[in-house]
Amino acid sequence: MGAIQIEHYLMLSAVLFTLGVLGVLLRRNAILVFMSVELMLNAANLALVAFARHWGQSDGHVFVFFVVTVAAAEVAVGLALLVTIFRTRQSINIDELRMMEG
């Protein structure tokens, strides 16, 4: 059994990213949309790490560190907003949130 090639990592990354895009486009629950965005970020992280390992560079690992940091901040702010919206509207349905536009 040989080592896993970079193509396998990239195929998995593409599948995860596609699932994330479908989740963002098709879901109406804001929490599921945030989870789909996180899935897309992790798919990009997987591709960055795969390329970094394939080329023997550490730059991809540094980028992944920053992406994970930004994703953690995005989750903290996003969930705080969702909790506040849920307390006022009693719903986190995205279609109902569009009515809040000014």
PDB file of N, CA and C in Angstrom:
ATOM      1  N   MET A   1       0.848  -1.171   0.000  1.00  0.00           N
ATOM      2  CA  MET A   1       0.000   0.000   0.000  1.00  0.00           C
ATOM      3  C   MET A   1       0.891   1.230   0.000  1.00  0.00           C
ATOM      4  N   GLY A   2       0.716   2.093  -0.976  1.00  0.00           N
ATOM      5  CA  GLY A   2       1.552   3.278  -1.097  1.00  0.00           C
ATOM      6  C   GLY A   2       1.048   4.427  -0.245  1.00  0.00           C
ATOM      7  N   ALA A   3       1.844   5.477  -0.250  1.00  0.00           N
ATOM      8  CA  ALA A   3       1.472   6.678   0.502  1.00  0.00           C
ATOM      9  C   ALA A   3       0.316   7.395  -0.195  1.00  0.00           C
ATOM     10  N   ILE A   4      -0.410   8.153   0.566  1.00  0.00           N
ATOM     11  CA  ILE A   4      -1.520   8.913   0.002  1.00  0.00           C
ATOM     12  C   ILE A   4      -0.949  10.066  -0.815  1.00  0.00           C
ATOM     13  N   GLN A   5      -1.391  10.177  -2.041  1.00  0.00           N
ATOM     14  CA  GLN A   5      -0.906  11.216  -2.945  1.00  0.00           C
ATOM     15  C   GLN A   5      -1.634  12.530  -2.683  1.00  0.00           C
ATOM     16  N   ILE A   6      -1.063  13.616  -3.198  1.00  0.00           N
ATOM     17  CA  ILE A   6      -1.656  14.939  -3.009  1.00  0.00           C
ATOM     18  C   ILE A   6      -3.022  15.029  -3.672  1.00  0.00           C
ATOM     19  N   GLU A   7      -3.233  14.268  -4.739  1.00  0.00           N
ATOM     20  CA  GLU A   7      -4.523  14.304  -5.435  1.00  0.00           C
ATOM     21  C   GLU A   7      -5.665  13.865  -4.527  1.00  0.00           C
ATOM     22  N   HIS A   8      -5.396  12.921  -3.639  1.00  0.00           N
ATOM     23  CA  HIS A   8      -6.431  12.467  -2.713  1.00  0.00           C
ATOM     24  C   HIS A   8      -6.821  13.577  -1.743  1.00  0.00           C
ATOM     25  N   TYR A   9      -5.832  14.282  -1.221  1.00  0.00           N
ATOM     26  CA  TYR A   9      -6.110  15.404  -0.327  1.00  0.00           C
ATOM     27  C   TYR A   9      -6.895  16.501  -1.046  1.00  0.00           C
ATOM     28  N   LEU A  10      -6.498  16.791  -2.278  1.00  0.00           N
ATOM     29  CA  LEU A  10      -7.180  17.845  -3.030  1.00  0.00           C
ATOM     30  C   LEU A  10      -8.595  17.433  -3.401  1.00  0.00           C
ATOM     31  N   MET A  11      -8.812  16.170  -3.696  1.00  0.00           N
ATOM     32  CA  MET A  11     -10.163  15.690  -4.006  1.00  0.00           C
ATOM     33  C   MET A  11     -11.049  15.798  -2.764  1.00  0.00           C
ATOM     34  N   LEU A  12     -10.529  15.406  -1.612  1.00  0.00           N
ATOM     35  CA  LEU A  12     -11.287  15.537  -0.369  1.00  0.00           C
ATOM     36  C   LEU A  12     -11.565  17.006  -0.071  1.00  0.00           C
ATOM     37  N   SER A  13     -10.596  17.860  -0.289  1.00  0.00           N
ATOM     38  CA  SER A  13     -10.776  19.288  -0.074  1.00  0.00           C
ATOM     39  C   SER A  13     -11.859  19.838  -0.997  1.00  0.00           C
ATOM     40  N   ALA A  14     -11.862  19.417  -2.250  1.00  0.00           N
ATOM     41  CA  ALA A  14     -12.875  19.887  -3.203  1.00  0.00           C
ATOM     42  C   ALA A  14     -14.272  19.409  -2.805  1.00  0.00           C
ATOM     43  N   VAL A  15     -14.374  18.171  -2.351  1.00  0.00           N
ATOM     44  CA  VAL A  15     -15.675  17.647  -1.919  1.00  0.00           C
ATOM     45  C   VAL A  15     -16.177  18.412  -0.703  1.00  0.00           C
ATOM     46  N   LEU A  16     -15.302  18.641   0.279  1.00  0.00           N
ATOM     47  CA  LEU A  16     -15.705  19.385   1.473  1.00  0.00           C
ATOM     48  C   LEU A  16     -16.103  20.820   1.129  1.00  0.00           C
ATOM     49  N   PHE A  17     -15.356  21.459   0.240  1.00  0.00           N
ATOM     50  CA  PHE A  17     -15.686  22.821  -0.151  1.00  0.00           C
ATOM     51  C   PHE A  17     -17.024  22.868  -0.880  1.00  0.00           C
ATOM     52  N   THR A  18     -17.267  21.900  -1.745  1.00  0.00           N
ATOM     53  CA  THR A  18     -18.544  21.839  -2.461  1.00  0.00           C
ATOM     54  C   THR A  18     -19.702  21.639  -1.498  1.00  0.00           C
ATOM     55  N   LEU A  19     -19.533  20.771  -0.515  1.00  0.00           N
ATOM     56  CA  LEU A  19     -20.580  20.583   0.491  1.00  0.00           C
ATOM     57  C   LEU A  19     -20.825  21.867   1.276  1.00  0.00           C
ATOM     58  N   GLY A  20     -19.768  22.599   1.571  1.00  0.00           N
ATOM     59  CA  GLY A  20     -19.921  23.877   2.258  1.00  0.00           C
ATOM     60  C   GLY A  20     -20.671  24.896   1.424  1.00  0.00           C
ATOM     61  N   VAL A  21     -20.349  24.980   0.149  1.00  0.00           N
ATOM     62  CA  VAL A  21     -21.047  25.914  -0.743  1.00  0.00           C
ATOM     63  C   VAL A  21     -22.520  25.550  -0.847  1.00  0.00           C
ATOM     64  N   LEU A  22     -22.804  24.271  -0.986  1.00  0.00           N
ATOM     65  CA  LEU A  22     -24.204  23.834  -1.041  1.00  0.00           C
ATOM     66  C   LEU A  22     -24.935  24.158   0.254  1.00  0.00           C
ATOM     67  N   GLY A  23     -24.261  24.006   1.384  1.00  0.00           N
ATOM     68  CA  GLY A  23     -24.871  24.345   2.660  1.00  0.00           C
ATOM     69  C   GLY A  23     -25.197  25.819   2.772  1.00  0.00           C
ATOM     70  N   VAL A  24     -24.298  26.670   2.269  1.00  0.00           N
ATOM     71  CA  VAL A  24     -24.544  28.113   2.316  1.00  0.00           C
ATOM     72  C   VAL A  24     -25.700  28.489   1.390  1.00  0.00           C
ATOM     73  N   LEU A  25     -25.745  27.871   0.223  1.00  0.00           N
ATOM     74  CA  LEU A  25     -26.768  28.237  -0.751  1.00  0.00           C
ATOM     75  C   LEU A  25     -28.145  27.661  -0.448  1.00  0.00           C
ATOM     76  N   LEU A  26     -28.200  26.495   0.159  1.00  0.00           N
ATOM     77  CA  LEU A  26     -29.480  25.800   0.306  1.00  0.00           C
ATOM     78  C   LEU A  26     -30.108  25.893   1.688  1.00  0.00           C
ATOM     79  N   ARG A  27     -29.338  26.189   2.707  1.00  0.00           N
ATOM     80  CA  ARG A  27     -29.870  26.193   4.073  1.00  0.00           C
ATOM     81  C   ARG A  27     -30.446  27.553   4.429  1.00  0.00           C
ATOM     82  N   ARG A  28     -31.445  27.539   5.296  1.00  0.00           N
ATOM     83  CA  ARG A  28     -32.075  28.772   5.760  1.00  0.00           C
ATOM     84  C   ARG A  28     -31.778  29.060   7.225  1.00  0.00           C
ATOM     85  N   ASN A  29     -31.207  28.111   7.923  1.00  0.00           N
ATOM     86  CA  ASN A  29     -30.867  28.296   9.324  1.00  0.00           C
ATOM     87  C   ASN A  29     -29.486  28.937   9.403  1.00  0.00           C
ATOM     88  N   ALA A  30     -29.377  30.027  10.153  1.00  0.00           N
ATOM     89  CA  ALA A  30     -28.120  30.776  10.202  1.00  0.00           C
ATOM     90  C   ALA A  30     -26.989  29.959  10.819  1.00  0.00           C
ATOM     91  N   ILE A  31     -27.288  29.117  11.783  1.00  0.00           N
ATOM     92  CA  ILE A  31     -26.232  28.295  12.394  1.00  0.00           C
ATOM     93  C   ILE A  31     -25.676  27.302  11.380  1.00  0.00           C
ATOM     94  N   LEU A  32     -26.555  26.713  10.573  1.00  0.00           N
ATOM     95  CA  LEU A  32     -26.072  25.784   9.547  1.00  0.00           C
ATOM     96  C   LEU A  32     -25.265  26.503   8.468  1.00  0.00           C
ATOM     97  N   VAL A  33     -25.619  27.738   8.184  1.00  0.00           N
ATOM     98  CA  VAL A  33     -24.829  28.527   7.225  1.00  0.00           C
ATOM     99  C   VAL A  33     -23.438  28.793   7.794  1.00  0.00           C
ATOM    100  N   PHE A  34     -23.355  29.157   9.080  1.00  0.00           N
ATOM    101  CA  PHE A  34     -22.044  29.353   9.703  1.00  0.00           C
ATOM    102  C   PHE A  34     -21.228  28.060   9.701  1.00  0.00           C
ATOM    103  N   MET A  35     -21.878  26.941   9.960  1.00  0.00           N
ATOM    104  CA  MET A  35     -21.167  25.659   9.927  1.00  0.00           C
ATOM    105  C   MET A  35     -20.666  25.353   8.521  1.00  0.00           C
ATOM    106  N   SER A  36     -21.437  25.719   7.511  1.00  0.00           N
ATOM    107  CA  SER A  36     -21.007  25.503   6.127  1.00  0.00           C
ATOM    108  C   SER A  36     -19.814  26.383   5.767  1.00  0.00           C
ATOM    109  N   VAL A  37     -19.807  27.613   6.259  1.00  0.00           N
ATOM    110  CA  VAL A  37     -18.655  28.497   6.026  1.00  0.00           C
ATOM    111  C   VAL A  37     -17.413  27.908   6.688  1.00  0.00           C
ATOM    112  N   GLU A  38     -17.575  27.386   7.897  1.00  0.00           N
ATOM    113  CA  GLU A  38     -16.448  26.746   8.583  1.00  0.00           C
ATOM    114  C   GLU A  38     -15.948  25.531   7.795  1.00  0.00           C
ATOM    115  N   LEU A  39     -16.863  24.790   7.201  1.00  0.00           N
ATOM    116  CA  LEU A  39     -16.475  23.638   6.388  1.00  0.00           C
ATOM    117  C   LEU A  39     -15.665  24.083   5.180  1.00  0.00           C
ATOM    118  N   MET A  40     -16.053  25.184   4.566  1.00  0.00           N
ATOM    119  CA  MET A  40     -15.293  25.706   3.425  1.00  0.00           C
ATOM    120  C   MET A  40     -13.907  26.179   3.854  1.00  0.00           C
ATOM    121  N   LEU A  41     -13.819  26.828   5.010  1.00  0.00           N
ATOM    122  CA  LEU A  41     -12.506  27.263   5.503  1.00  0.00           C
ATOM    123  C   LEU A  41     -11.602  26.070   5.799  1.00  0.00           C
ATOM    124  N   ASN A  42     -12.170  25.022   6.378  1.00  0.00           N
ATOM    125  CA  ASN A  42     -11.358  23.838   6.665  1.00  0.00           C
ATOM    126  C   ASN A  42     -10.950  23.107   5.393  1.00  0.00           C
ATOM    127  N   ALA A  43     -11.785  23.153   4.362  1.00  0.00           N
ATOM    128  CA  ALA A  43     -11.398  22.573   3.078  1.00  0.00           C
ATOM    129  C   ALA A  43     -10.215  23.327   2.480  1.00  0.00           C
ATOM    130  N   ALA A  44     -10.238  24.642   2.592  1.00  0.00           N
ATOM    131  CA  ALA A  44      -9.103  25.439   2.104  1.00  0.00           C
ATOM    132  C   ALA A  44      -7.861  25.149   2.935  1.00  0.00           C
ATOM    133  N   ASN A  45      -8.029  24.979   4.233  1.00  0.00           N
ATOM    134  CA  ASN A  45      -6.889  24.633   5.094  1.00  0.00           C
ATOM    135  C   ASN A  45      -6.278  23.299   4.688  1.00  0.00           C
ATOM    136  N   LEU A  46      -7.117  22.325   4.391  1.00  0.00           N
ATOM    137  CA  LEU A  46      -6.618  21.009   3.970  1.00  0.00           C
ATOM    138  C   LEU A  46      -5.804  21.130   2.687  1.00  0.00           C
ATOM    139  N   ALA A  47      -6.283  21.918   1.746  1.00  0.00           N
ATOM    140  CA  ALA A  47      -5.543  22.111   0.494  1.00  0.00           C
ATOM    141  C   ALA A  47      -4.219  22.819   0.739  1.00  0.00           C
ATOM    142  N   LEU A  48      -4.225  23.840   1.604  1.00  0.00           N
ATOM    143  CA  LEU A  48      -2.979  24.549   1.913  1.00  0.00           C
ATOM    144  C   LEU A  48      -1.951  23.629   2.558  1.00  0.00           C
ATOM    145  N   VAL A  49      -2.384  22.811   3.496  1.00  0.00           N
ATOM    146  CA  VAL A  49      -1.453  21.894   4.163  1.00  0.00           C
ATOM    147  C   VAL A  49      -0.954  20.830   3.186  1.00  0.00           C
ATOM    148  N   ALA A  50      -1.832  20.355   2.313  1.00  0.00           N
ATOM    149  CA  ALA A  50      -1.415  19.349   1.326  1.00  0.00           C
ATOM    150  C   ALA A  50      -0.352  19.911   0.391  1.00  0.00           C
ATOM    151  N   PHE A  51      -0.565  21.129  -0.098  1.00  0.00           N
ATOM    152  CA  PHE A  51       0.433  21.745  -0.968  1.00  0.00           C
ATOM    153  C   PHE A  51       1.728  22.024  -0.217  1.00  0.00           C
ATOM    154  N   ALA A  52       1.626  22.489   1.017  1.00  0.00           N
ATOM    155  CA  ALA A  52       2.827  22.772   1.800  1.00  0.00           C
ATOM    156  C   ALA A  52       3.649  21.507   2.014  1.00  0.00           C
ATOM    157  N   ARG A  53       2.970  20.412   2.301  1.00  0.00           N
ATOM    158  CA  ARG A  53       3.687  19.150   2.509  1.00  0.00           C
ATOM    159  C   ARG A  53       4.289  18.641   1.202  1.00  0.00           C
ATOM    160  N   HIS A  54       3.531  18.785   0.117  1.00  0.00           N
ATOM    161  CA  HIS A  54       4.002  18.299  -1.186  1.00  0.00           C
ATOM    162  C   HIS A  54       5.257  19.053  -1.640  1.00  0.00           C
ATOM    163  N   TRP A  55       5.288  20.358  -1.418  1.00  0.00           N
ATOM    164  CA  TRP A  55       6.423  21.164  -1.856  1.00  0.00           C
ATOM    165  C   TRP A  55       7.489  21.317  -0.792  1.00  0.00           C
ATOM    166  N   GLY A  56       7.261  20.798   0.401  1.00  0.00           N
ATOM    167  CA  GLY A  56       8.259  20.875   1.457  1.00  0.00           C
ATOM    168  C   GLY A  56       8.441  22.270   2.031  1.00  0.00           C
ATOM    169  N   GLN A  57       7.424  23.098   1.961  1.00  0.00           N
ATOM    170  CA  GLN A  57       7.467  24.460   2.480  1.00  0.00           C
ATOM    171  C   GLN A  57       6.610  24.551   3.734  1.00  0.00           C
ATOM    172  N   SER A  58       6.947  25.471   4.611  1.00  0.00           N
ATOM    173  CA  SER A  58       6.149  25.656   5.814  1.00  0.00           C
ATOM    174  C   SER A  58       5.187  26.832   5.688  1.00  0.00           C
ATOM    175  N   ASP A  59       5.180  27.511   4.555  1.00  0.00           N
ATOM    176  CA  ASP A  59       4.312  28.671   4.370  1.00  0.00           C
ATOM    177  C   ASP A  59       2.833  28.299   4.487  1.00  0.00           C
ATOM    178  N   GLY A  60       2.452  27.154   3.944  1.00  0.00           N
ATOM    179  CA  GLY A  60       1.059  26.719   4.011  1.00  0.00           C
ATOM    180  C   GLY A  60       0.589  26.513   5.431  1.00  0.00           C
ATOM    181  N   HIS A  61       1.471  26.010   6.284  1.00  0.00           N
ATOM    182  CA  HIS A  61       1.117  25.798   7.687  1.00  0.00           C
ATOM    183  C   HIS A  61       0.907  27.133   8.401  1.00  0.00           C
ATOM    184  N   VAL A  62       1.688  28.126   8.038  1.00  0.00           N
ATOM    185  CA  VAL A  62       1.534  29.459   8.635  1.00  0.00           C
ATOM    186  C   VAL A  62       0.205  30.069   8.206  1.00  0.00           C
ATOM    187  N   PHE A  63      -0.150  29.934   6.924  1.00  0.00           N
ATOM    188  CA  PHE A  63      -1.435  30.441   6.448  1.00  0.00           C
ATOM    189  C   PHE A  63      -2.595  29.744   7.147  1.00  0.00           C
ATOM    190  N   VAL A  64      -2.471  28.434   7.348  1.00  0.00           N
ATOM    191  CA  VAL A  64      -3.521  27.685   8.039  1.00  0.00           C
ATOM    192  C   VAL A  64      -3.693  28.206   9.456  1.00  0.00           C
ATOM    193  N   PHE A  65      -2.607  28.511  10.122  1.00  0.00           N
ATOM    194  CA  PHE A  65      -2.691  29.060  11.470  1.00  0.00           C
ATOM    195  C   PHE A  65      -3.500  30.353  11.483  1.00  0.00           C
ATOM    196  N   PHE A  66      -3.239  31.230  10.526  1.00  0.00           N
ATOM    197  CA  PHE A  66      -3.978  32.489  10.472  1.00  0.00           C
ATOM    198  C   PHE A  66      -5.441  32.266  10.092  1.00  0.00           C
ATOM    199  N   VAL A  67      -5.717  31.341   9.194  1.00  0.00           N
ATOM    200  CA  VAL A  67      -7.101  31.054   8.815  1.00  0.00           C
ATOM    201  C   VAL A  67      -7.875  30.500   9.997  1.00  0.00           C
ATOM    202  N   VAL A  68      -7.269  29.619  10.778  1.00  0.00           N
ATOM    203  CA  VAL A  68      -7.929  29.074  11.959  1.00  0.00           C
ATOM    204  C   VAL A  68      -8.197  30.177  12.972  1.00  0.00           C
ATOM    205  N   THR A  69      -7.264  31.100  13.125  1.00  0.00           N
ATOM    206  CA  THR A  69      -7.453  32.222  14.048  1.00  0.00           C
ATOM    207  C   THR A  69      -8.614  33.110  13.607  1.00  0.00           C
ATOM    208  N   VAL A  70      -8.668  33.430  12.333  1.00  0.00           N
ATOM    209  CA  VAL A  70      -9.764  34.250  11.808  1.00  0.00           C
ATOM    210  C   VAL A  70     -11.090  33.501  11.920  1.00  0.00           C
ATOM    211  N   ALA A  71     -11.090  32.202  11.662  1.00  0.00           N
ATOM    212  CA  ALA A  71     -12.316  31.407  11.765  1.00  0.00           C
ATOM    213  C   ALA A  71     -12.830  31.376  13.199  1.00  0.00           C
ATOM    214  N   ALA A  72     -11.942  31.285  14.161  1.00  0.00           N
ATOM    215  CA  ALA A  72     -12.366  31.287  15.560  1.00  0.00           C
ATOM    216  C   ALA A  72     -12.988  32.628  15.929  1.00  0.00           C
ATOM    217  N   ALA A  73     -12.400  33.712  15.459  1.00  0.00           N
ATOM    218  CA  ALA A  73     -12.977  35.030  15.727  1.00  0.00           C
ATOM    219  C   ALA A  73     -14.328  35.181  15.030  1.00  0.00           C
ATOM    220  N   GLU A  74     -14.435  34.666  13.815  1.00  0.00           N
ATOM    221  CA  GLU A  74     -15.695  34.733  13.075  1.00  0.00           C
ATOM    222  C   GLU A  74     -16.790  33.962  13.789  1.00  0.00           C
ATOM    223  N   VAL A  75     -16.459  32.820  14.325  1.00  0.00           N
ATOM    224  CA  VAL A  75     -17.445  32.023  15.051  1.00  0.00           C
ATOM    225  C   VAL A  75     -17.888  32.739  16.316  1.00  0.00           C
ATOM    226  N   ALA A  76     -16.962  33.321  17.041  1.00  0.00           N
ATOM    227  CA  ALA A  76     -17.316  34.015  18.281  1.00  0.00           C
ATOM    228  C   ALA A  76     -18.237  35.199  18.007  1.00  0.00           C
ATOM    229  N   VAL A  77     -17.900  36.012  17.029  1.00  0.00           N
ATOM    230  CA  VAL A  77     -18.731  37.175  16.703  1.00  0.00           C
ATOM    231  C   VAL A  77     -20.055  36.734  16.089  1.00  0.00           C
ATOM    232  N   GLY A  78     -20.002  35.769  15.192  1.00  0.00           N
ATOM    233  CA  GLY A  78     -21.227  35.290  14.545  1.00  0.00           C
ATOM    234  C   GLY A  78     -22.212  34.680  15.523  1.00  0.00           C
ATOM    235  N   LEU A  79     -21.732  33.863  16.428  1.00  0.00           N
ATOM    236  CA  LEU A  79     -22.637  33.266  17.413  1.00  0.00           C
ATOM    237  C   LEU A  79     -23.183  34.308  18.379  1.00  0.00           C
ATOM    238  N   ALA A  80     -22.390  35.299  18.734  1.00  0.00           N
ATOM    239  CA  ALA A  80     -22.899  36.376  19.585  1.00  0.00           C
ATOM    240  C   ALA A  80     -24.016  37.135  18.873  1.00  0.00           C
ATOM    241  N   LEU A  81     -23.831  37.412  17.591  1.00  0.00           N
ATOM    242  CA  LEU A  81     -24.887  38.068  16.818  1.00  0.00           C
ATOM    243  C   LEU A  81     -26.137  37.204  16.725  1.00  0.00           C
ATOM    244  N   LEU A  82     -25.953  35.913  16.494  1.00  0.00           N
ATOM    245  CA  LEU A  82     -27.109  35.019  16.390  1.00  0.00           C
ATOM    246  C   LEU A  82     -27.881  34.921  17.700  1.00  0.00           C
ATOM    247  N   VAL A  83     -27.185  34.875  18.802  1.00  0.00           N
ATOM    248  CA  VAL A  83     -27.863  34.819  20.102  1.00  0.00           C
ATOM    249  C   VAL A  83     -28.658  36.097  20.331  1.00  0.00           C
ATOM    250  N   THR A  84     -28.073  37.243  19.988  1.00  0.00           N
ATOM    251  CA  THR A  84     -28.772  38.514  20.150  1.00  0.00           C
ATOM    252  C   THR A  84     -29.993  38.597  19.240  1.00  0.00           C
ATOM    253  N   ILE A  85     -29.844  38.166  18.004  1.00  0.00           N
ATOM    254  CA  ILE A  85     -30.971  38.179  17.069  1.00  0.00           C
ATOM    255  C   ILE A  85     -32.058  37.220  17.539  1.00  0.00           C
ATOM    256  N   PHE A  86     -31.676  36.055  18.030  1.00  0.00           N
ATOM    257  CA  PHE A  86     -32.671  35.097  18.497  1.00  0.00           C
ATOM    258  C   PHE A  86     -33.436  35.636  19.699  1.00  0.00           C
ATOM    259  N   ARG A  87     -32.755  36.353  20.576  1.00  0.00           N
ATOM    260  CA  ARG A  87     -33.434  36.911  21.753  1.00  0.00           C
ATOM    261  C   ARG A  87     -34.465  37.964  21.356  1.00  0.00           C
ATOM    262  N   THR A  88     -34.188  38.713  20.296  1.00  0.00           N
ATOM    263  CA  THR A  88     -35.127  39.763  19.897  1.00  0.00           C
ATOM    264  C   THR A  88     -36.202  39.264  18.940  1.00  0.00           C
ATOM    265  N   ARG A  89     -35.859  38.366  18.021  1.00  0.00           N
ATOM    266  CA  ARG A  89     -36.801  37.918  16.986  1.00  0.00           C
ATOM    267  C   ARG A  89     -37.388  36.534  17.239  1.00  0.00           C
ATOM    268  N   GLN A  90     -36.831  35.763  18.150  1.00  0.00           N
ATOM    269  CA  GLN A  90     -37.247  34.396  18.449  1.00  0.00           C
ATOM    270  C   GLN A  90     -37.123  33.464  17.238  1.00  0.00           C
ATOM    271  N   SER A  91     -36.226  33.809  16.307  1.00  0.00           N
ATOM    272  CA  SER A  91     -35.983  32.984  15.128  1.00  0.00           C
ATOM    273  C   SER A  91     -34.617  33.334  14.556  1.00  0.00           C
ATOM    274  N   ILE A  92     -33.974  32.353  13.947  1.00  0.00           N
ATOM    275  CA  ILE A  92     -32.717  32.612  13.249  1.00  0.00           C
ATOM    276  C   ILE A  92     -32.818  32.179  11.793  1.00  0.00           C
ATOM    277  N   ASN A  93     -34.057  32.176  11.275  1.00  0.00           N
ATOM    278  CA  ASN A  93     -34.285  31.870   9.874  1.00  0.00           C
ATOM    279  C   ASN A  93     -33.765  33.038   9.034  1.00  0.00           C
ATOM    280  N   ILE A  94     -32.948  32.753   8.044  1.00  0.00           N
ATOM    281  CA  ILE A  94     -32.309  33.795   7.244  1.00  0.00           C
ATOM    282  C   ILE A  94     -33.337  34.587   6.451  1.00  0.00           C
ATOM    283  N   ASP A  95     -34.386  33.945   5.963  1.00  0.00           N
ATOM    284  CA  ASP A  95     -35.402  34.678   5.217  1.00  0.00           C
ATOM    285  C   ASP A  95     -36.089  35.723   6.086  1.00  0.00           C
ATOM    286  N   GLU A  96     -36.309  35.415   7.355  1.00  0.00           N
ATOM    287  CA  GLU A  96     -36.920  36.381   8.253  1.00  0.00           C
ATOM    288  C   GLU A  96     -35.944  37.487   8.641  1.00  0.00           C
ATOM    289  N   LEU A  97     -34.657  37.204   8.669  1.00  0.00           N
ATOM    290  CA  LEU A  97     -33.666  38.216   9.015  1.00  0.00           C
ATOM    291  C   LEU A  97     -33.505  39.250   7.905  1.00  0.00           C
ATOM    292  N   ARG A  98     -33.820  38.878   6.681  1.00  0.00           N
ATOM    293  CA  ARG A  98     -33.713  39.841   5.572  1.00  0.00           C
ATOM    294  C   ARG A  98     -34.706  40.982   5.740  1.00  0.00           C
ATOM    295  N   MET A  99     -35.772  40.761   6.484  1.00  0.00           N
ATOM    296  CA  MET A  99     -36.766  41.793   6.701  1.00  0.00           C
ATOM    297  C   MET A  99     -36.239  42.900   7.602  1.00  0.00           C
ATOM    298  N   MET A 100     -35.079  42.676   8.238  1.00  0.00           N
ATOM    299  CA  MET A 100     -34.498  43.671   9.152  1.00  0.00           C
ATOM    300  C   MET A 100     -33.726  44.746   8.401  1.00  0.00           C
ATOM    301  N   GLU A 101     -33.576  44.590   7.075  1.00  0.00           N
ATOM    302  CA  GLU A 101     -32.835  45.577   6.295  1.00  0.00           C
ATOM    303  C   GLU A 101     -33.548  46.917   6.356  1.00  0.00           C
ATOM    304  N   GLY A 102     -32.754  48.003   6.340  1.00  0.00           N
ATOM    305  CA  GLY A 102     -33.319  49.345   6.484  1.00  0.00           C
ATOM    306  C   GLY A 102     -33.734  49.989   5.245  1.00  0.00           C
TER     307      GLY A 102
END
